[in-house]
Every structure is written in structure tokens, then in C-alpha cells.
Amino acid sequence: MKKLFAVIATLVVTAFAFNAKAQLSGIEGMPPYKLGITVGMNMPWLSGSGEVSVAGSDLHTNTYTGAYKMTTGFQAGINFMFDPSVWMSVPFTPFVRVEAKYSMKGSESKISYLNHVQEESISTHYVEMPVHFGCAWFINDDISLMAETGPYVAFGFSGTCKITQDGVKKPTAGVFDGILNGNRFDLGWGVQASAMIAKNYQVHVAYDYGFININKHFLQNRNLSVGFTWFFESLFE
């Protein structure tokens, strides 16, 4: 928890510091931008209904199958978004959005192998940076609709796996340094749809598809999220 609070505090302080600096810069010709804070709810899961070889007590190779289910998590971070149309002539309003955030992911599963039933609850914690490219469509002075897509990179700084085998709880194990032989680095692609209200408040729905196997076998991150962003500055004005 101390690591989580430290990450969130750093993001918030950075946002306010950068915003104050940008407001005082007064650079002529600086492109319109928005800087804000985002909070949201994650609904992550791991892709991983499949088979992986495990060594049984008889030393023969066996397999297990597992269905990984959606769970819930949290995200918080800072957003920097700017309008590059000042450098081009286009009939629409493009934007680029870069975000730095904490994101809690994971999954739950029920695995059968040999004559055993094993339940797992996986929780992972990432520092994540999406870079999205999108367009905005103005409905009226108070509402704009936005769509965007782009890659993300992430680093897993903490993760736990709680295991219950045949109804007996096992010691909690690490995801990145233990039971899953986990890969801390993640890379994926995301899409997001949102509505900007009164030019400074945004509600959004997003989906992220991870490309990297986090346990070096077949488990990949998937995440559906909903969130809210409060922007300090007004973009596109």
C-alpha cells in the first residue's frame, strides 16, 4: 500500500507542478493543450483459457485448464492532451493524448489438474503510459464527442497470487518474483470513447488489449475501464 500511495502522490504533485509552469510560460504560438487528473474503475481479466504443461507427482507431463474471470481494480493518473491542428489545415479537430497512471489489474480463476481443484486470485499493479491519437466532434458549446486509439507500455512493480487448493489456503505468492514467473513489462493497444462536458470534464470508456504473456506461458492482460478526468486547461480554444 505504501508503494501505491507514493505512486499516486507523485502523479498528483507532478500534474500541479507542470500545470503551474505551463500557465506561467506564456510562450507565443504554444499549441492549445489540456492537463488534468484522471480516476477510474478497472474491470480487468487475463486471457488464458488454455493448457500448460505441469509435472505431476509421477513425473509424467500433465496438463491443466483454467478459465480466467473478470475482477475489479482502480486507476489514477495525469493526462496531457494537445491539439496539433495549429500546425496543419484539416477539416476536423485531431488531438494527441499522453497519460501516466497507476493501474491495478488481475483476474480470478478456477483450475483443474490431476485430481486437484485450485482457485487463484491474481492482483497486479502497474505504472502505465498510453499514447493515443484521436479526433473530436463538437455537438454544441458544452458537449464534444471524442474517439482515440494507440499503444501503451507498462511496468509491473507489484503483484500477488492468492491460492486455495482443494479448499485449503496456500501462502500468498508473488506474481513477478514467484509463482507465475512473471514478466514485469507489458505492451498493448487501447481504444477509448469519451464525452467532453463544459470543455473541462470528460467521462470515458476504454478497452486495452495486452500483447505480452505476463507469466511467460499464455496469460495476457485485458482491461475494460470507465473513468472521469478533470482538466485544468481548455483545449481547442
Protein backbone atom coordinates (compact mmCIF):
# COMPACT_ATOMS: atom_id res chain seq x y z
CA MET A 1 0.00 0.00 0.00
CA LYS A 2 2.89 2.40 0.72
CA LYS A 3 4.13 1.94 -2.87
CA LEU A 4 0.63 2.65 -4.21
CA PHE A 5 0.23 5.85 -2.18
CA ALA A 6 3.70 7.00 -3.25
CA VAL A 7 2.90 6.49 -6.93
CA ILE A 8 -0.45 8.34 -6.72
CA ALA A 9 1.05 11.21 -4.71
CA THR A 10 3.88 11.62 -7.23
CA LEU A 11 1.44 11.75 -10.16
CA VAL A 12 -0.77 14.37 -8.48
CA VAL A 13 2.15 16.60 -7.44
CA THR A 14 3.66 16.37 -10.94
CA ALA A 15 0.34 17.38 -12.51
CA PHE A 16 0.00 20.52 -10.37
CA ALA A 17 3.66 21.46 -10.82
CA PHE A 18 3.57 21.08 -14.60
CA ASN A 19 0.28 22.96 -14.84
CA ALA A 20 1.65 25.92 -12.88
CA LYS A 21 4.79 26.03 -15.02
CA ALA A 22 2.78 25.89 -18.27
CA GLN A 23 0.46 28.68 -17.15
CA LEU A 24 3.40 30.97 -16.39
CA SER A 25 5.42 30.18 -19.51
CA GLY A 26 3.47 32.45 -21.87
CA ILE A 27 5.24 31.05 -24.93
CA GLU A 28 3.76 32.61 -28.04
CA GLY A 29 2.48 30.04 -30.52
CA MET A 30 2.36 27.24 -27.95
CA PRO A 31 -0.32 24.75 -29.13
CA PRO A 32 -3.57 24.56 -27.15
CA TYR A 33 -3.38 21.86 -24.54
CA LYS A 34 -5.16 20.28 -21.61
CA LEU A 35 -3.61 18.90 -18.47
CA GLY A 36 -5.70 17.02 -15.95
CA ILE A 37 -6.16 14.27 -13.39
CA THR A 38 -7.96 11.01 -14.14
CA VAL A 39 -9.55 8.48 -11.80
CA GLY A 40 -11.42 5.36 -12.86
CA MET A 41 -12.51 1.81 -12.24
CA ASN A 42 -10.81 -1.12 -13.97
CA MET A 43 -12.57 -4.35 -14.88
CA PRO A 44 -9.54 -6.48 -15.82
CA TRP A 45 -9.05 -10.14 -16.60
CA LEU A 46 -6.36 -12.39 -18.01
CA SER A 47 -6.74 -14.14 -21.33
CA GLY A 48 -5.83 -17.68 -20.54
CA SER A 49 -8.36 -20.44 -21.01
CA GLY A 50 -5.86 -22.95 -22.24
CA GLU A 51 -3.42 -25.65 -21.33
CA VAL A 52 0.03 -25.53 -19.81
CA SER A 53 2.31 -28.45 -19.03
CA VAL A 54 2.95 -29.25 -15.38
CA ALA A 55 4.96 -32.06 -13.85
CA GLY A 56 2.83 -34.47 -11.82
CA SER A 57 4.00 -36.49 -8.86
CA ASP A 58 4.52 -39.46 -11.19
CA LEU A 59 6.97 -37.32 -13.21
CA HIS A 60 4.80 -37.63 -16.32
CA THR A 61 3.69 -34.47 -18.12
CA ASN A 62 0.13 -33.50 -17.33
CA THR A 63 -1.98 -30.50 -18.28
CA TYR A 64 -4.36 -28.15 -16.55
CA THR A 65 -7.06 -25.93 -17.91
CA GLY A 66 -8.18 -22.67 -16.39
CA ALA A 67 -10.91 -20.12 -17.09
CA TYR A 68 -9.84 -16.62 -16.03
CA LYS A 69 -12.64 -14.28 -14.95
CA MET A 70 -13.05 -10.51 -14.75
CA THR A 71 -12.33 -8.78 -11.46
CA THR A 72 -12.22 -5.12 -10.36
CA GLY A 73 -9.42 -2.63 -9.88
CA PHE A 74 -8.55 1.04 -9.77
CA GLN A 75 -6.59 3.55 -11.84
CA ALA A 76 -5.40 7.12 -11.29
CA GLY A 77 -3.05 9.35 -13.22
CA ILE A 78 -2.32 12.55 -15.10
CA ASN A 79 -3.31 13.39 -18.68
CA PHE A 80 -1.57 15.69 -21.14
CA MET A 81 -3.56 16.35 -24.33
CA PHE A 82 -2.82 18.80 -27.13
CA ASP A 83 -4.28 19.86 -30.47
CA PRO A 84 -1.73 19.64 -33.34
CA SER A 85 -4.11 21.26 -35.85
CA VAL A 86 -2.34 24.59 -35.30
CA TRP A 87 0.39 23.13 -37.49
CA MET A 88 -1.88 21.81 -40.25
CA SER A 89 -5.06 22.54 -42.18
CA VAL A 90 -7.64 19.82 -41.57
CA PRO A 91 -11.47 19.78 -41.57
CA PHE A 92 -11.65 18.07 -38.16
CA THR A 93 -10.11 18.51 -34.72
CA PRO A 94 -7.33 16.00 -34.03
CA PHE A 95 -5.60 15.55 -30.69
CA VAL A 96 -2.80 13.57 -29.09
CA ARG A 97 -3.13 12.34 -25.52
CA VAL A 98 -0.34 11.05 -23.31
CA GLU A 99 -1.16 9.62 -19.90
CA ALA A 100 0.93 8.43 -16.96
CA LYS A 101 -1.01 6.41 -14.43
CA TYR A 102 -1.18 3.73 -11.79
CA SER A 103 -3.36 0.80 -12.90
CA MET A 104 -4.49 -2.19 -10.84
CA LYS A 105 -5.19 -5.33 -12.88
CA GLY A 106 -5.53 -9.08 -12.34
CA SER A 107 -8.01 -11.92 -12.60
CA GLU A 108 -9.65 -14.82 -10.80
CA SER A 109 -9.57 -18.43 -11.94
CA LYS A 110 -10.54 -21.99 -11.11
CA ILE A 111 -8.06 -24.57 -12.36
CA SER A 112 -8.39 -28.35 -12.55
CA TYR A 113 -5.34 -30.59 -12.91
CA LEU A 114 -4.73 -34.23 -11.98
CA ASN A 115 -7.27 -34.81 -9.17
CA HIS A 116 -6.98 -31.28 -7.75
CA VAL A 117 -9.02 -28.09 -7.96
CA GLN A 118 -7.10 -24.85 -7.49
CA GLU A 119 -8.59 -21.36 -7.18
CA GLU A 120 -6.42 -18.32 -7.83
CA SER A 121 -6.93 -14.61 -7.18
CA ILE A 122 -4.28 -12.58 -9.03
CA SER A 123 -3.71 -8.88 -8.37
CA THR A 124 -1.10 -6.85 -10.27
CA HIS A 125 -0.06 -3.20 -10.01
CA TYR A 126 1.39 -1.27 -12.96
CA VAL A 127 2.78 2.11 -13.86
CA GLU A 128 1.33 2.58 -17.35
CA MET A 129 1.76 5.10 -20.17
CA PRO A 130 -0.70 5.17 -23.10
CA VAL A 131 -0.08 7.36 -26.16
CA HIS A 132 -3.33 7.89 -28.08
CA PHE A 133 -4.27 9.68 -31.29
CA GLY A 134 -7.86 10.80 -31.77
CA CYS A 135 -10.46 13.19 -33.13
CA ALA A 136 -13.12 15.37 -31.51
CA TRP A 137 -16.56 16.17 -32.86
CA PHE A 138 -18.34 19.23 -31.46
CA ILE A 139 -22.04 18.77 -30.67
CA ASN A 140 -22.58 22.19 -29.06
CA ASP A 141 -20.73 24.62 -26.79
CA ASP A 142 -20.98 22.26 -23.83
CA ILE A 143 -20.54 18.77 -25.31
CA SER A 144 -17.97 17.20 -27.61
CA LEU A 145 -17.59 13.53 -28.53
CA MET A 146 -14.12 12.03 -28.81
CA ALA A 147 -12.62 8.79 -30.11
CA GLU A 148 -8.98 7.72 -29.84
CA THR A 149 -6.63 4.76 -30.12
CA GLY A 150 -2.97 3.97 -29.62
CA PRO A 151 -0.32 1.85 -27.86
CA TYR A 152 0.58 1.63 -24.21
CA VAL A 153 3.62 0.44 -22.27
CA ALA A 154 3.53 -0.64 -18.64
CA PHE A 155 5.82 -1.84 -15.86
CA GLY A 156 4.55 -4.12 -13.10
CA PHE A 157 6.03 -3.02 -9.77
CA SER A 158 4.00 -5.36 -7.53
CA GLY A 159 1.74 -8.41 -7.77
CA THR A 160 0.31 -11.18 -5.59
CA CYS A 161 -1.37 -14.51 -6.22
CA LYS A 162 -3.65 -15.97 -3.53
CA ILE A 163 -4.16 -19.70 -3.95
CA THR A 164 -6.70 -22.11 -2.48
CA GLN A 165 -6.08 -25.77 -3.35
CA ASP A 166 -8.79 -28.34 -2.60
CA GLY A 167 -10.32 -25.87 -0.12
CA VAL A 168 -7.04 -25.23 1.70
CA LYS A 169 -5.47 -21.75 1.56
CA LYS A 170 -1.84 -21.65 0.50
CA PRO A 171 0.70 -18.93 1.34
CA THR A 172 0.34 -15.81 -0.82
CA ALA A 173 2.89 -15.85 -3.63
CA GLY A 174 4.44 -13.14 -5.79
CA VAL A 175 3.40 -12.74 -9.43
CA PHE A 176 6.55 -11.09 -10.79
CA ASP A 177 9.02 -12.80 -8.48
CA GLY A 178 7.42 -16.13 -7.69
CA ILE A 179 4.54 -18.42 -8.60
CA LEU A 180 3.84 -17.11 -12.11
CA ASN A 181 7.45 -16.48 -13.12
CA GLY A 182 6.02 -13.14 -14.18
CA ASN A 183 7.10 -10.69 -16.85
CA ARG A 184 7.03 -7.16 -15.42
CA PHE A 185 6.97 -5.46 -18.83
CA ASP A 186 3.69 -5.16 -20.72
CA LEU A 187 2.89 -3.73 -24.14
CA GLY A 188 -0.52 -3.42 -25.75
CA TRP A 189 -3.07 -1.39 -27.66
CA GLY A 190 -6.04 0.61 -26.41
CA VAL A 191 -9.18 2.33 -27.67
CA GLN A 192 -11.25 4.94 -25.88
CA ALA A 193 -14.55 6.75 -26.44
CA SER A 194 -15.45 9.79 -24.37
CA ALA A 195 -17.61 12.86 -23.96
CA MET A 196 -16.15 16.23 -23.03
CA ILE A 197 -18.57 18.28 -20.93
CA ALA A 198 -18.19 22.05 -20.45
CA LYS A 199 -14.72 21.77 -22.05
CA ASN A 200 -13.05 20.65 -18.83
CA TYR A 201 -14.80 17.45 -17.68
CA GLN A 202 -14.50 14.14 -19.50
CA VAL A 203 -16.21 10.80 -18.96
CA HIS A 204 -14.76 7.86 -20.87
CA VAL A 205 -14.95 4.14 -21.57
CA ALA A 206 -11.79 2.32 -22.67
CA TYR A 207 -10.53 -1.14 -23.59
CA ASP A 208 -6.89 -2.27 -23.51
CA TYR A 209 -5.51 -5.42 -25.14
CA GLY A 210 -2.15 -6.66 -23.88
CA PHE A 211 0.31 -8.39 -26.20
CA ILE A 212 2.81 -9.71 -23.64
CA ASN A 213 2.46 -13.02 -21.78
CA ILE A 214 2.82 -11.95 -18.17
CA ASN A 215 3.59 -15.45 -16.90
CA LYS A 216 5.71 -16.40 -19.94
CA HIS A 217 3.14 -19.01 -20.97
CA PHE A 218 -0.16 -17.61 -22.19
CA LEU A 219 -1.69 -15.11 -19.73
CA GLN A 220 -2.18 -11.65 -21.23
CA ASN A 221 -3.78 -8.54 -19.73
CA ARG A 222 -7.20 -7.39 -20.84
CA ASN A 223 -8.94 -4.39 -19.28
CA LEU A 224 -12.27 -2.62 -19.66
CA SER A 225 -12.44 0.65 -17.74
CA VAL A 226 -14.67 3.62 -17.06
CA GLY A 227 -13.35 6.88 -15.73
CA PHE A 228 -13.55 10.61 -15.18
CA THR A 229 -10.98 13.30 -16.00
CA TRP A 230 -10.88 16.86 -14.71
CA PHE A 231 -8.82 19.09 -16.99
CA PHE A 232 -7.23 22.31 -15.74
CA GLU A 233 -6.97 23.94 -19.17
CA SER A 234 -9.42 24.32 -22.04
CA LEU A 235 -8.32 22.69 -25.28
CA PHE A 236 -9.35 23.74 -28.80
CA GLU A 237 -9.99 27.38 -27.81
